[in-house]
């Protein structure tokens, strides 16, 4: 089931919270919770909000966590308003969500690192 992230009233995009300052998360500059999606076969990469291309992210879901570098800006604004926070390639989606890519959506937490 899709998870709708709370929207930031100023930007009309998913709200971002500061991470707790414990353990490995102390280097994270922001954490956002919402829904991950996949484009399916033929797409290679990770699209993450709000920082966009070139930022290191850790995506955590029911299947586990992966560390990646974002290679694009992320879901379009209409999808962001519905709670989408990251688009994943098939292998990353399956690793993070613990389901086949055909499931399409899953709840995730994305930590952004400087």
N, C-alpha and C. Protein backbone atom coordinates (compact mmCIF):
# COMPACT_ATOMS: atom_id res chain seq x y z
N UNK A 1 0.83 -1.18 0.00
CA UNK A 1 0.00 0.00 0.00
C UNK A 1 0.87 1.24 0.00
N UNK A 2 0.45 2.24 -0.73
CA UNK A 2 1.20 3.49 -0.81
C UNK A 2 1.13 4.24 0.51
N UNK A 3 2.21 4.90 0.83
CA UNK A 3 2.28 5.71 2.03
C UNK A 3 2.34 7.16 1.59
N UNK A 4 1.44 7.99 2.09
CA UNK A 4 1.42 9.39 1.70
C UNK A 4 2.27 10.19 2.68
N UNK A 5 3.35 10.79 2.15
CA UNK A 5 4.22 11.61 2.99
C UNK A 5 3.56 12.94 3.26
N UNK A 6 3.76 13.51 4.47
CA UNK A 6 3.21 14.83 4.72
C UNK A 6 3.88 15.85 3.81
N UNK A 7 3.10 16.85 3.35
CA UNK A 7 3.63 17.86 2.44
C UNK A 7 4.12 19.08 3.21
N UNK A 8 5.21 19.65 2.74
CA UNK A 8 5.71 20.92 3.25
C UNK A 8 4.85 22.01 2.63
N UNK A 9 4.20 22.82 3.45
CA UNK A 9 3.26 23.82 2.93
C UNK A 9 3.95 24.87 2.07
N UNK A 10 5.21 25.17 2.32
CA UNK A 10 5.92 26.18 1.56
C UNK A 10 6.29 25.71 0.15
N UNK A 11 6.62 24.41 0.01
CA UNK A 11 7.08 23.91 -1.29
C UNK A 11 6.08 22.99 -1.96
N UNK A 12 5.07 22.52 -1.24
CA UNK A 12 4.08 21.57 -1.75
C UNK A 12 4.72 20.25 -2.18
N UNK A 13 5.83 19.90 -1.52
CA UNK A 13 6.54 18.64 -1.76
C UNK A 13 6.62 17.87 -0.45
N UNK A 14 7.02 16.58 -0.48
CA UNK A 14 7.12 15.83 0.76
C UNK A 14 7.99 16.53 1.79
N UNK A 15 7.52 16.57 3.03
CA UNK A 15 8.25 17.22 4.12
C UNK A 15 9.50 16.42 4.45
N UNK A 16 10.54 17.13 4.84
CA UNK A 16 11.82 16.51 5.17
C UNK A 16 12.10 16.76 6.64
N UNK A 17 12.51 15.71 7.35
CA UNK A 17 12.85 15.89 8.75
C UNK A 17 14.34 15.69 8.93
N UNK A 18 14.90 16.32 9.94
CA UNK A 18 16.31 16.12 10.27
C UNK A 18 16.45 14.76 10.94
N UNK A 19 17.53 14.03 10.64
CA UNK A 19 17.72 12.71 11.24
C UNK A 19 18.14 12.82 12.70
N UNK A 20 17.88 11.77 13.48
CA UNK A 20 18.38 11.78 14.84
C UNK A 20 19.90 11.72 14.82
N UNK A 21 20.58 12.32 15.79
CA UNK A 21 22.04 12.30 15.77
C UNK A 21 22.55 11.11 16.57
N UNK A 22 22.40 9.94 15.96
CA UNK A 22 22.90 8.70 16.55
C UNK A 22 23.57 7.88 15.47
N UNK A 23 24.60 7.14 15.85
CA UNK A 23 25.26 6.20 14.97
C UNK A 23 25.56 6.73 13.58
N UNK A 24 25.31 5.91 12.57
CA UNK A 24 25.65 6.22 11.19
C UNK A 24 24.81 7.36 10.62
N UNK A 25 23.67 7.68 11.22
CA UNK A 25 22.82 8.73 10.67
C UNK A 25 23.33 10.14 10.96
N UNK A 26 24.39 10.28 11.73
CA UNK A 26 24.87 11.62 12.05
C UNK A 26 25.34 12.35 10.80
N UNK A 27 25.76 11.64 9.75
CA UNK A 27 26.21 12.27 8.52
C UNK A 27 25.05 12.60 7.58
N UNK A 28 23.86 12.07 7.86
CA UNK A 28 22.71 12.33 6.99
C UNK A 28 22.28 13.78 7.15
N UNK A 29 22.01 14.43 6.02
CA UNK A 29 21.58 15.82 6.07
C UNK A 29 20.06 15.94 6.16
N UNK A 30 19.36 14.89 5.76
CA UNK A 30 17.90 14.90 5.83
C UNK A 30 17.38 13.47 5.69
N UNK A 31 16.17 13.25 6.20
CA UNK A 31 15.49 11.97 6.08
C UNK A 31 14.06 12.24 5.64
N UNK A 32 13.58 11.47 4.66
CA UNK A 32 12.20 11.62 4.21
C UNK A 32 11.56 10.23 4.12
N UNK A 33 10.30 10.15 4.50
CA UNK A 33 9.55 8.89 4.43
C UNK A 33 8.43 9.04 3.41
N UNK A 34 8.20 7.98 2.66
CA UNK A 34 7.14 8.04 1.66
C UNK A 34 7.10 6.75 0.85
N UNK A 35 6.80 6.88 -0.42
CA UNK A 35 6.61 5.73 -1.30
C UNK A 35 7.69 5.66 -2.36
N UNK A 36 8.21 4.46 -2.57
CA UNK A 36 9.15 4.19 -3.66
C UNK A 36 8.37 3.56 -4.80
N UNK A 37 8.79 3.89 -6.02
CA UNK A 37 8.21 3.28 -7.21
C UNK A 37 9.34 2.80 -8.10
N UNK A 38 8.98 2.05 -9.14
CA UNK A 38 9.97 1.60 -10.12
C UNK A 38 9.40 1.80 -11.52
N UNK A 39 10.31 2.10 -12.43
CA UNK A 39 9.91 2.23 -13.83
C UNK A 39 9.86 0.87 -14.52
N UNK A 40 10.43 -0.15 -13.90
CA UNK A 40 10.44 -1.48 -14.49
C UNK A 40 11.70 -1.73 -15.30
N UNK A 41 11.74 -2.85 -16.01
CA UNK A 41 12.93 -3.23 -16.76
C UNK A 41 13.34 -2.16 -17.78
N UNK A 42 14.65 -2.07 -17.98
CA UNK A 42 15.17 -1.12 -18.96
C UNK A 42 15.60 0.20 -18.38
N UNK A 43 15.26 0.46 -17.13
CA UNK A 43 15.67 1.69 -16.47
C UNK A 43 16.77 1.33 -15.49
N UNK A 44 17.89 2.05 -15.53
CA UNK A 44 19.02 1.77 -14.65
C UNK A 44 19.36 3.01 -13.87
N UNK A 45 19.10 3.00 -12.58
CA UNK A 45 19.48 4.14 -11.77
C UNK A 45 18.53 4.39 -10.64
N UNK A 46 18.73 5.51 -10.00
CA UNK A 46 17.93 5.89 -8.85
C UNK A 46 17.65 7.39 -8.95
N UNK A 47 16.41 7.74 -8.78
CA UNK A 47 15.99 9.14 -8.83
C UNK A 47 15.51 9.52 -7.45
N UNK A 48 16.13 10.52 -6.86
CA UNK A 48 15.80 10.83 -5.46
C UNK A 48 15.50 12.30 -5.25
N UNK A 49 14.57 12.55 -4.36
CA UNK A 49 14.21 13.90 -3.94
C UNK A 49 14.80 14.17 -2.57
N UNK A 50 14.90 15.36 -2.14
CA UNK A 50 14.70 16.59 -2.88
C UNK A 50 15.99 17.12 -3.48
N UNK A 51 17.11 16.51 -3.10
CA UNK A 51 18.39 17.06 -3.52
C UNK A 51 18.73 16.79 -4.99
N UNK A 52 18.15 15.75 -5.58
CA UNK A 52 18.38 15.49 -7.00
C UNK A 52 19.65 14.73 -7.30
N UNK A 53 20.19 14.96 -8.46
CA UNK A 53 21.31 14.21 -9.04
C UNK A 53 22.60 14.37 -8.23
N UNK A 54 23.33 13.23 -8.08
CA UNK A 54 24.66 13.24 -7.49
C UNK A 54 24.73 13.13 -5.98
N UNK A 55 23.61 13.06 -5.30
CA UNK A 55 23.60 12.98 -3.84
C UNK A 55 23.63 11.50 -3.41
N UNK A 56 24.37 11.21 -2.35
CA UNK A 56 24.38 9.85 -1.81
C UNK A 56 23.14 9.64 -0.97
N UNK A 57 22.47 8.51 -1.16
CA UNK A 57 21.26 8.21 -0.40
C UNK A 57 21.30 6.78 0.13
N UNK A 58 20.61 6.58 1.24
CA UNK A 58 20.36 5.23 1.76
C UNK A 58 18.85 5.06 1.74
N UNK A 59 18.38 4.07 0.97
CA UNK A 59 16.96 3.79 0.86
C UNK A 59 16.68 2.53 1.68
N UNK A 60 15.74 2.63 2.63
CA UNK A 60 15.42 1.52 3.51
C UNK A 60 13.94 1.19 3.39
N UNK A 61 13.65 -0.08 3.22
CA UNK A 61 12.26 -0.54 3.11
C UNK A 61 12.10 -1.88 3.79
N UNK A 62 10.97 -2.55 3.58
CA UNK A 62 10.71 -3.81 4.26
C UNK A 62 11.69 -4.92 3.90
N UNK A 63 12.37 -4.82 2.75
CA UNK A 63 13.31 -5.86 2.33
C UNK A 63 14.74 -5.60 2.74
N UNK A 64 15.07 -4.38 3.14
CA UNK A 64 16.44 -4.05 3.53
C UNK A 64 16.82 -2.64 3.12
N UNK A 65 18.12 -2.37 3.16
CA UNK A 65 18.64 -1.05 2.82
C UNK A 65 19.69 -1.15 1.73
N UNK A 66 19.78 -0.12 0.90
CA UNK A 66 20.84 -0.01 -0.10
C UNK A 66 21.36 1.42 -0.09
N UNK A 67 22.66 1.57 -0.34
CA UNK A 67 23.28 2.88 -0.49
C UNK A 67 23.55 3.09 -1.97
N UNK A 68 23.14 4.25 -2.48
CA UNK A 68 23.29 4.55 -3.90
C UNK A 68 23.62 6.03 -4.08
N UNK A 69 23.98 6.40 -5.31
CA UNK A 69 24.13 7.80 -5.69
C UNK A 69 23.01 8.11 -6.67
N UNK A 70 22.26 9.15 -6.38
CA UNK A 70 21.14 9.55 -7.22
C UNK A 70 21.65 10.02 -8.58
N UNK A 71 20.94 9.64 -9.65
CA UNK A 71 21.37 10.08 -10.97
C UNK A 71 20.32 10.91 -11.70
N UNK A 72 19.32 11.39 -10.99
CA UNK A 72 18.31 12.26 -11.59
C UNK A 72 17.54 12.97 -10.49
N UNK A 73 16.55 13.75 -10.88
CA UNK A 73 15.85 14.63 -9.94
C UNK A 73 14.73 13.96 -9.14
N UNK A 74 14.21 12.84 -9.57
CA UNK A 74 13.18 12.17 -8.79
C UNK A 74 11.81 12.21 -9.43
N UNK A 75 10.81 11.69 -8.71
CA UNK A 75 9.44 11.66 -9.23
C UNK A 75 8.95 13.07 -9.57
N UNK A 76 8.07 13.14 -10.56
CA UNK A 76 7.54 14.46 -10.94
C UNK A 76 6.67 15.03 -9.82
N UNK A 77 6.40 16.32 -9.90
CA UNK A 77 5.70 17.02 -8.82
C UNK A 77 4.34 16.42 -8.51
N UNK A 78 3.60 15.98 -9.51
CA UNK A 78 2.29 15.36 -9.26
C UNK A 78 2.45 14.10 -8.41
N UNK A 79 3.46 13.28 -8.70
CA UNK A 79 3.70 12.06 -7.91
C UNK A 79 4.22 12.41 -6.51
N UNK A 80 5.02 13.48 -6.40
CA UNK A 80 5.50 13.91 -5.08
C UNK A 80 4.33 14.26 -4.19
N UNK A 81 3.35 14.93 -4.73
CA UNK A 81 2.17 15.31 -3.94
C UNK A 81 1.40 14.10 -3.45
N UNK A 82 1.56 12.98 -4.15
CA UNK A 82 0.91 11.73 -3.73
C UNK A 82 1.79 10.92 -2.78
N UNK A 83 2.97 11.46 -2.44
CA UNK A 83 3.83 10.78 -1.47
C UNK A 83 5.01 10.05 -2.04
N UNK A 84 5.23 10.11 -3.36
CA UNK A 84 6.40 9.45 -3.95
C UNK A 84 7.66 10.22 -3.59
N UNK A 85 8.66 9.52 -3.09
CA UNK A 85 9.91 10.17 -2.72
C UNK A 85 11.11 9.66 -3.49
N UNK A 86 10.98 8.52 -4.16
CA UNK A 86 12.11 7.96 -4.90
C UNK A 86 11.60 7.00 -5.97
N UNK A 87 12.25 7.03 -7.14
CA UNK A 87 12.03 6.04 -8.20
C UNK A 87 13.27 5.16 -8.25
N UNK A 88 13.08 3.84 -8.27
CA UNK A 88 14.20 2.90 -8.21
C UNK A 88 14.27 2.03 -9.44
N UNK A 89 15.50 1.57 -9.78
CA UNK A 89 15.61 0.56 -10.83
C UNK A 89 15.10 -0.77 -10.26
N UNK A 90 14.92 -1.75 -11.12
CA UNK A 90 14.30 -3.02 -10.73
C UNK A 90 15.06 -3.72 -9.61
N UNK A 91 16.39 -3.87 -9.75
CA UNK A 91 17.14 -4.62 -8.74
C UNK A 91 17.14 -3.91 -7.39
N UNK A 92 17.23 -2.59 -7.39
CA UNK A 92 17.19 -1.84 -6.14
C UNK A 92 15.80 -1.92 -5.51
N UNK A 93 14.76 -1.79 -6.33
CA UNK A 93 13.39 -1.91 -5.81
C UNK A 93 13.19 -3.25 -5.13
N UNK A 94 13.61 -4.32 -5.78
CA UNK A 94 13.41 -5.66 -5.23
C UNK A 94 14.21 -5.87 -3.94
N UNK A 95 15.42 -5.30 -3.88
CA UNK A 95 16.24 -5.42 -2.67
C UNK A 95 15.64 -4.63 -1.51
N UNK A 96 15.18 -3.43 -1.78
CA UNK A 96 14.65 -2.56 -0.73
C UNK A 96 13.25 -2.99 -0.31
N UNK A 97 12.42 -3.32 -1.26
CA UNK A 97 11.02 -3.63 -0.97
C UNK A 97 10.77 -5.09 -0.62
N UNK A 98 11.70 -5.96 -0.99
CA UNK A 98 11.54 -7.37 -0.69
C UNK A 98 10.41 -8.01 -1.49
N UNK A 99 10.08 -7.41 -2.63
CA UNK A 99 9.00 -7.90 -3.48
C UNK A 99 9.43 -7.80 -4.94
N UNK A 100 8.78 -8.54 -5.84
CA UNK A 100 9.07 -8.37 -7.27
C UNK A 100 8.75 -6.94 -7.72
N UNK A 101 9.43 -6.48 -8.75
CA UNK A 101 9.22 -5.11 -9.24
C UNK A 101 7.78 -4.88 -9.67
N UNK A 102 7.07 -5.94 -10.00
CA UNK A 102 5.69 -5.80 -10.45
C UNK A 102 4.75 -5.34 -9.33
N UNK A 103 5.23 -5.38 -8.06
CA UNK A 103 4.43 -4.83 -6.96
C UNK A 103 4.23 -3.33 -7.16
N UNK A 104 5.21 -2.68 -7.79
CA UNK A 104 5.08 -1.28 -8.20
C UNK A 104 5.40 -0.23 -7.17
N UNK A 105 4.95 -0.39 -5.92
CA UNK A 105 5.13 0.63 -4.88
C UNK A 105 5.44 -0.04 -3.54
N UNK A 106 6.19 0.67 -2.69
CA UNK A 106 6.36 0.22 -1.31
C UNK A 106 6.77 1.40 -0.44
N UNK A 107 6.56 1.27 0.85
CA UNK A 107 6.92 2.30 1.82
C UNK A 107 8.41 2.27 2.07
N UNK A 108 9.06 3.45 2.08
CA UNK A 108 10.50 3.54 2.29
C UNK A 108 10.86 4.76 3.14
N UNK A 109 12.07 4.72 3.63
CA UNK A 109 12.71 5.88 4.26
C UNK A 109 13.96 6.16 3.45
N UNK A 110 14.17 7.42 3.07
CA UNK A 110 15.36 7.80 2.32
C UNK A 110 16.17 8.77 3.16
N UNK A 111 17.43 8.41 3.43
CA UNK A 111 18.36 9.30 4.13
C UNK A 111 19.31 9.89 3.11
N UNK A 112 19.49 11.20 3.15
CA UNK A 112 20.37 11.92 2.22
C UNK A 112 21.66 12.26 2.95
N UNK A 113 22.80 12.00 2.28
CA UNK A 113 24.11 12.24 2.88
C UNK A 113 24.87 13.29 2.08
N UNK A 114 25.68 14.08 2.78
CA UNK A 114 26.46 15.12 2.10
C UNK A 114 27.68 14.52 1.44
